[in-house]
């Protein structure tokens, strides 16, 4: 982390925080009963009218302040712009499946990327009113002030680490890499959380509540906000093979598999996934 934040993104940061908190107030006012839901796609995902309303609000706030920027939103898709490589990523309700079953585990996520580099990230929890945010090079902050997980390093628990897991919507249930990763992590961790809301896991990791987070072909829309928040809090991010992981949204989903954890925990986490990398797991039955 650099101690010298780029002052050019502070207004973008303020806009993202304000928009996320306004959207959160809207979501909170209508949870758990004031919405309708419908199926989205063929893999069991859902969308609610809360997603749509919150997204409209966030897009409107961004457009008011930065009318030329490109926006990629979970429900609306791409809204083109000519903002010189600037792209906003909007996940208005990360955890829609939780909301539909009355589980209050969901957040609003907003990021700004320049080219494919996250520079602003915001995660807001409507149920508690708490917001966590990061500015590239400027650190991460939450309701209690600056987040600095690395400074609170602790030894690996005897029962194994407490981990979270996510996989992209396009990953089939019988995907051999995903199955191998999940099985290994469940066997060798104290708990493996599958929250249906990746940004909740990123915030938990940035706060130091969990030891690590593993993702396989993660969704692009929520990744930049969470990855930036974690990195600026002192979390190390790597691809499954140990290479540096930038946390951008571009490229195929095969490039969005990651291991994230406190620096002292990272060697152990990489060891856990080393036997499950795509190159070491058969891609299908023998012909």
Foldseek 3Di string as FASTA:
>chain_A
DAQDFDVVCPVVQVLQVVLFLVLLQVVVVCPQPNWDKDDDDDLRHIDIVSQVVSVVSSVVSCCVPPVQEWEAEPPPGIDHGDPQQKYKFWRSWQQVVCSNVRHQDIWTWMFIDRNFFTAKIKIARSVVRKIWIFGVNNFIAIPVGGAAQLVVDDDADPQGWEEEEEEASPDDPVFFLVVLLVVLCPVHHNYYHYRSGVLSRLVCQSNNVTFKYWYALYALRRQSNSVRNNVRNQKAKAALQRHGQRRGRDDGSRNVTIMIGHPVCVVVRSVSSVCRPPVNTDRDDDD
